[in-house]
Amino acid sequence: MKTILYMGISPNGYIAKEDGNSEWTSDEDLKGFYDESKKAGNIILGKNTFLETSRQGYFPFPDAVNVVVTHREFENKWGKNVVFTDKSPKEILSMLKGMGFTTALLAGGGMLNASFAREGLIDEIYFDVEPLLFGKGIKVFADTDFGCELELLETKQLNKNTIQLHYRVV
């Protein structure tokens, strides 16, 4: 199964402010994210990303199975297109494959991204680099021991100040 990480990020590698707020990304980033989620048919997100997107009114993402990775119990008010799980990254991908998916879309946060990277489960990465710097926040990958080499597949200017970097994990 192919796994794609899609993130709006600051040039210094943050995906959210310290309080979890990620409402600083562009409309183009949001549209690209929605387009990728429709193509994949699923989204994998961590508890804090779930809470923040719920607060912003984006959750659940339409036209996709929303997989929320958490150890906390939540009431599922959204039906069969929302799955709460505490499974490992490999088990989540196996579950999605069993549901007929061939691609998984990973949507953060930093701890979840790092757990997939540490297990070598990310195949492609889209970074929509937004024109905002801040010194504290949530990094695209939480501090952990992993490394991977990237091959640049494409760069695209999304708007006057936002660029997209598309990588393949080697």
C-alpha atoms as a PDB file:
ATOM      1  CA  MET A   1       0.000   0.000   0.000  1.00  0.00           C
ATOM      2  CA  LYS A   2       1.274   3.449  -0.915  1.00  0.00           C
ATOM      3  CA  THR A   3       1.302   5.991   1.937  1.00  0.00           C
ATOM      4  CA  ILE A   4       1.338   9.729   1.202  1.00  0.00           C
ATOM      5  CA  LEU A   5       2.097  12.354   3.856  1.00  0.00           C
ATOM      6  CA  TYR A   6       0.446  15.707   3.040  1.00  0.00           C
ATOM      7  CA  MET A   7       1.330  18.709   5.223  1.00  0.00           C
ATOM      8  CA  GLY A   8       1.057  22.478   5.165  1.00  0.00           C
ATOM      9  CA  ILE A   9       4.271  23.622   6.855  1.00  0.00           C
ATOM     10  CA  SER A  10       6.213  26.720   7.802  1.00  0.00           C
ATOM     11  CA  PRO A  11       9.657  27.135   6.203  1.00  0.00           C
ATOM     12  CA  ASN A  12      11.185  26.137   9.550  1.00  0.00           C
ATOM     13  CA  GLY A  13       9.250  22.844   9.714  1.00  0.00           C
ATOM     14  CA  TYR A  14       6.171  23.491  11.844  1.00  0.00           C
ATOM     15  CA  ILE A  15       2.693  22.171  10.998  1.00  0.00           C
ATOM     16  CA  ALA A  16       0.836  23.942  13.806  1.00  0.00           C
ATOM     17  CA  LYS A  17       1.350  26.619  16.402  1.00  0.00           C
ATOM     18  CA  GLU A  18       2.047  25.635  19.997  1.00  0.00           C
ATOM     19  CA  ASP A  19      -1.696  25.531  20.801  1.00  0.00           C
ATOM     20  CA  GLY A  20      -2.359  23.214  17.819  1.00  0.00           C
ATOM     21  CA  ASN A  21      -3.767  25.962  15.597  1.00  0.00           C
ATOM     22  CA  SER A  22      -3.132  25.316  11.903  1.00  0.00           C
ATOM     23  CA  GLU A  23      -5.554  27.857  10.470  1.00  0.00           C
ATOM     24  CA  TRP A  24      -2.634  29.835   8.989  1.00  0.00           C
ATOM     25  CA  THR A  25      -2.328  27.642   5.878  1.00  0.00           C
ATOM     26  CA  SER A  26      -3.593  28.872   2.517  1.00  0.00           C
ATOM     27  CA  ASP A  27      -6.791  28.010   0.681  1.00  0.00           C
ATOM     28  CA  GLU A  28      -4.593  26.296  -1.917  1.00  0.00           C
ATOM     29  CA  ASP A  29      -3.101  24.018   0.751  1.00  0.00           C
ATOM     30  CA  LEU A  30      -6.562  23.097   2.005  1.00  0.00           C
ATOM     31  CA  LYS A  31      -7.819  22.420  -1.542  1.00  0.00           C
ATOM     32  CA  GLY A  32      -4.794  20.251  -2.344  1.00  0.00           C
ATOM     33  CA  PHE A  33      -5.297  18.313   0.863  1.00  0.00           C
ATOM     34  CA  TYR A  34      -8.997  17.733   0.108  1.00  0.00           C
ATOM     35  CA  ASP A  35      -8.169  16.640  -3.456  1.00  0.00           C
ATOM     36  CA  GLU A  36      -5.610  14.097  -2.197  1.00  0.00           C
ATOM     37  CA  SER A  37      -8.033  12.803   0.457  1.00  0.00           C
ATOM     38  CA  LYS A  38     -10.701  12.217  -2.203  1.00  0.00           C
ATOM     39  CA  LYS A  39      -8.208  10.375  -4.427  1.00  0.00           C
ATOM     40  CA  ALA A  40      -7.027   8.164  -1.553  1.00  0.00           C
ATOM     41  CA  GLY A  41     -10.518   7.751  -0.084  1.00  0.00           C
ATOM     42  CA  ASN A  42      -9.104   7.836   3.450  1.00  0.00           C
ATOM     43  CA  ILE A  43      -7.227  10.032   5.928  1.00  0.00           C
ATOM     44  CA  ILE A  44      -5.143   8.962   8.917  1.00  0.00           C
ATOM     45  CA  LEU A  45      -4.845  11.558  11.673  1.00  0.00           C
ATOM     46  CA  GLY A  46      -3.799  11.688  15.290  1.00  0.00           C
ATOM     47  CA  LYS A  47      -5.910  12.696  18.275  1.00  0.00           C
ATOM     48  CA  ASN A  48      -4.724  16.318  18.415  1.00  0.00           C
ATOM     49  CA  THR A  49      -5.241  16.810  14.669  1.00  0.00           C
ATOM     50  CA  PHE A  50      -8.725  15.308  15.074  1.00  0.00           C
ATOM     51  CA  LEU A  51      -9.499  17.703  17.946  1.00  0.00           C
ATOM     52  CA  GLU A  52      -8.195  20.738  16.039  1.00  0.00           C
ATOM     53  CA  THR A  53      -9.996  19.895  12.783  1.00  0.00           C
ATOM     54  CA  SER A  54     -13.181  19.274  14.788  1.00  0.00           C
ATOM     55  CA  ARG A  55     -12.795  22.690  16.429  1.00  0.00           C
ATOM     56  CA  GLN A  56     -12.306  24.280  12.994  1.00  0.00           C
ATOM     57  CA  GLY A  57     -15.370  22.485  11.580  1.00  0.00           C
ATOM     58  CA  TYR A  58     -13.454  20.407   9.003  1.00  0.00           C
ATOM     59  CA  PHE A  59     -14.018  16.996  10.609  1.00  0.00           C
ATOM     60  CA  PRO A  60     -14.995  14.529   9.344  1.00  0.00           C
ATOM     61  CA  PHE A  61     -13.365  15.041   5.961  1.00  0.00           C
ATOM     62  CA  PRO A  62     -15.908  14.300   3.214  1.00  0.00           C
ATOM     63  CA  ASP A  63     -15.526  11.504   0.677  1.00  0.00           C
ATOM     64  CA  ALA A  64     -13.017   9.676   2.886  1.00  0.00           C
ATOM     65  CA  VAL A  65     -12.795   7.174   5.706  1.00  0.00           C
ATOM     66  CA  ASN A  66     -11.354   9.169   8.630  1.00  0.00           C
ATOM     67  CA  VAL A  67      -9.034   7.038  10.785  1.00  0.00           C
ATOM     68  CA  VAL A  68      -8.257   8.717  14.116  1.00  0.00           C
ATOM     69  CA  VAL A  69      -5.295   7.200  15.944  1.00  0.00           C
ATOM     70  CA  THR A  70      -5.778   7.602  19.686  1.00  0.00           C
ATOM     71  CA  HIS A  71      -5.606   5.741  22.977  1.00  0.00           C
ATOM     72  CA  ARG A  72      -8.462   7.883  24.303  1.00  0.00           C
ATOM     73  CA  GLU A  73     -12.117   6.847  24.056  1.00  0.00           C
ATOM     74  CA  PHE A  74     -14.345   9.045  21.869  1.00  0.00           C
ATOM     75  CA  GLU A  75     -18.004   8.695  21.020  1.00  0.00           C
ATOM     76  CA  ASN A  76     -18.348   8.126  17.278  1.00  0.00           C
ATOM     77  CA  LYS A  77     -21.100  10.576  16.282  1.00  0.00           C
ATOM     78  CA  TRP A  78     -20.224  10.364  12.587  1.00  0.00           C
ATOM     79  CA  GLY A  79     -20.922   6.765  11.574  1.00  0.00           C
ATOM     80  CA  LYS A  80     -19.010   4.259   9.480  1.00  0.00           C
ATOM     81  CA  ASN A  81     -16.717   6.806   7.773  1.00  0.00           C
ATOM     82  CA  VAL A  82     -14.974   7.519  11.097  1.00  0.00           C
ATOM     83  CA  VAL A  83     -12.811   4.908  12.818  1.00  0.00           C
ATOM     84  CA  PHE A  84     -11.113   5.438  16.190  1.00  0.00           C
ATOM     85  CA  THR A  85      -8.184   3.079  16.757  1.00  0.00           C
ATOM     86  CA  ASP A  86      -5.039   2.571  18.799  1.00  0.00           C
ATOM     87  CA  LYS A  87      -3.484   0.195  16.236  1.00  0.00           C
ATOM     88  CA  SER A  88       0.128   0.490  15.077  1.00  0.00           C
ATOM     89  CA  PRO A  89       0.934   2.139  11.725  1.00  0.00           C
ATOM     90  CA  LYS A  90       1.388  -1.277  10.047  1.00  0.00           C
ATOM     91  CA  GLU A  91      -1.933  -2.513  11.464  1.00  0.00           C
ATOM     92  CA  ILE A  92      -3.710   0.645  10.253  1.00  0.00           C
ATOM     93  CA  LEU A  93      -2.368   0.195   6.733  1.00  0.00           C
ATOM     94  CA  SER A  94      -3.385  -3.476   6.826  1.00  0.00           C
ATOM     95  CA  MET A  95      -6.889  -2.469   7.959  1.00  0.00           C
ATOM     96  CA  LEU A  96      -7.199   0.063   5.107  1.00  0.00           C
ATOM     97  CA  LYS A  97      -5.904  -2.486   2.597  1.00  0.00           C
ATOM     98  CA  GLY A  98      -8.551  -4.902   3.871  1.00  0.00           C
ATOM     99  CA  MET A  99     -11.157  -2.218   3.165  1.00  0.00           C
ATOM    100  CA  GLY A 100     -10.001  -2.134  -0.467  1.00  0.00           C
ATOM    101  CA  PHE A 101      -7.762   0.937  -0.418  1.00  0.00           C
ATOM    102  CA  THR A 102      -4.469   1.017  -2.324  1.00  0.00           C
ATOM    103  CA  THR A 103      -3.296   4.416  -1.048  1.00  0.00           C
ATOM    104  CA  ALA A 104      -3.343   5.887   2.455  1.00  0.00           C
ATOM    105  CA  LEU A 105      -3.208   9.621   3.192  1.00  0.00           C
ATOM    106  CA  LEU A 106      -1.357  10.534   6.376  1.00  0.00           C
ATOM    107  CA  ALA A 107      -2.396  13.893   7.821  1.00  0.00           C
ATOM    108  CA  GLY A 108      -0.480  14.349  11.086  1.00  0.00           C
ATOM    109  CA  GLY A 109       0.339  15.345  13.688  1.00  0.00           C
ATOM    110  CA  GLY A 110       4.010  15.239  14.389  1.00  0.00           C
ATOM    111  CA  MET A 111       3.986  12.170  16.646  1.00  0.00           C
ATOM    112  CA  LEU A 112       1.904  10.134  14.201  1.00  0.00           C
ATOM    113  CA  ASN A 113       4.034  11.259  11.236  1.00  0.00           C
ATOM    114  CA  ALA A 114       7.188  10.240  13.116  1.00  0.00           C
ATOM    115  CA  SER A 115       5.750   6.809  13.974  1.00  0.00           C
ATOM    116  CA  PHE A 116       5.070   6.104  10.275  1.00  0.00           C
ATOM    117  CA  ALA A 117       8.514   7.452   9.277  1.00  0.00           C
ATOM    118  CA  ARG A 118      10.290   5.419  11.960  1.00  0.00           C
ATOM    119  CA  GLU A 119       8.732   2.237  10.526  1.00  0.00           C
ATOM    120  CA  GLY A 120       9.617   3.235   6.939  1.00  0.00           C
ATOM    121  CA  LEU A 121       5.963   3.402   5.896  1.00  0.00           C
ATOM    122  CA  ILE A 122       5.868   6.753   4.045  1.00  0.00           C
ATOM    123  CA  ASP A 123       6.271   6.524   0.251  1.00  0.00           C
ATOM    124  CA  GLU A 124       5.604  10.124  -0.837  1.00  0.00           C
ATOM    125  CA  ILE A 125       5.492  13.519   0.842  1.00  0.00           C
ATOM    126  CA  TYR A 126       3.764  16.745  -0.156  1.00  0.00           C
ATOM    127  CA  PHE A 127       4.910  19.833   1.736  1.00  0.00           C
ATOM    128  CA  ASP A 128       2.937  23.013   1.031  1.00  0.00           C
ATOM    129  CA  VAL A 129       5.423  25.592   2.352  1.00  0.00           C
ATOM    130  CA  GLU A 130       3.535  28.620   3.677  1.00  0.00           C
ATOM    131  CA  PRO A 131       5.003  32.132   4.202  1.00  0.00           C
ATOM    132  CA  LEU A 132       4.961  32.214   7.996  1.00  0.00           C
ATOM    133  CA  LEU A 133       7.657  31.614  10.597  1.00  0.00           C
ATOM    134  CA  PHE A 134       7.075  30.955  14.275  1.00  0.00           C
ATOM    135  CA  GLY A 135       9.465  29.688  16.908  1.00  0.00           C
ATOM    136  CA  LYS A 136       7.320  27.278  18.904  1.00  0.00           C
ATOM    137  CA  GLY A 137       4.850  24.742  17.722  1.00  0.00           C
ATOM    138  CA  ILE A 138       4.285  21.241  16.466  1.00  0.00           C
ATOM    139  CA  LYS A 139       7.019  19.956  14.168  1.00  0.00           C
ATOM    140  CA  VAL A 140       6.180  17.967  11.062  1.00  0.00           C
ATOM    141  CA  PHE A 141       8.002  15.052  12.732  1.00  0.00           C
ATOM    142  CA  ALA A 142       8.240  14.737  16.517  1.00  0.00           C
ATOM    143  CA  ASP A 143      11.760  14.209  17.827  1.00  0.00           C
ATOM    144  CA  THR A 144      12.557  10.532  17.406  1.00  0.00           C
ATOM    145  CA  ASP A 145      15.217   8.337  15.854  1.00  0.00           C
ATOM    146  CA  PHE A 146      14.663   7.848  12.125  1.00  0.00           C
ATOM    147  CA  GLY A 147      16.081   9.004   8.825  1.00  0.00           C
ATOM    148  CA  CYS A 148      15.156   8.772   5.181  1.00  0.00           C
ATOM    149  CA  GLU A 149      16.449  10.084   1.884  1.00  0.00           C
ATOM    150  CA  LEU A 150      14.108  12.000  -0.401  1.00  0.00           C
ATOM    151  CA  GLU A 151      13.972  12.429  -4.157  1.00  0.00           C
ATOM    152  CA  LEU A 152      12.335  15.644  -5.379  1.00  0.00           C
ATOM    153  CA  LEU A 153       9.622  14.765  -7.901  1.00  0.00           C
ATOM    154  CA  GLU A 154       8.052  18.173  -8.477  1.00  0.00           C
ATOM    155  CA  THR A 155       7.848  21.761  -7.298  1.00  0.00           C
ATOM    156  CA  LYS A 156       4.777  23.863  -7.886  1.00  0.00           C
ATOM    157  CA  GLN A 157       3.879  27.443  -7.017  1.00  0.00           C
ATOM    158  CA  LEU A 158       0.422  27.322  -5.415  1.00  0.00           C
ATOM    159  CA  ASN A 159      -0.019  31.071  -5.008  1.00  0.00           C
ATOM    160  CA  LYS A 160       2.157  34.184  -4.837  1.00  0.00           C
ATOM    161  CA  ASN A 161       3.871  33.073  -1.608  1.00  0.00           C
ATOM    162  CA  THR A 162       3.216  29.325  -1.242  1.00  0.00           C
ATOM    163  CA  ILE A 163       5.146  26.520  -2.932  1.00  0.00           C
ATOM    164  CA  GLN A 164       4.557  22.794  -2.969  1.00  0.00           C
ATOM    165  CA  LEU A 165       7.404  20.313  -2.726  1.00  0.00           C
ATOM    166  CA  HIS A 166       6.570  16.750  -3.784  1.00  0.00           C
ATOM    167  CA  TYR A 167       9.049  14.043  -2.748  1.00  0.00           C
ATOM    168  CA  ARG A 168       9.420  10.310  -3.112  1.00  0.00           C
ATOM    169  CA  VAL A 169      10.963   8.538  -0.147  1.00  0.00           C
ATOM    170  CA  VAL A 170      13.962   6.583  -1.463  1.00  0.00           C
END
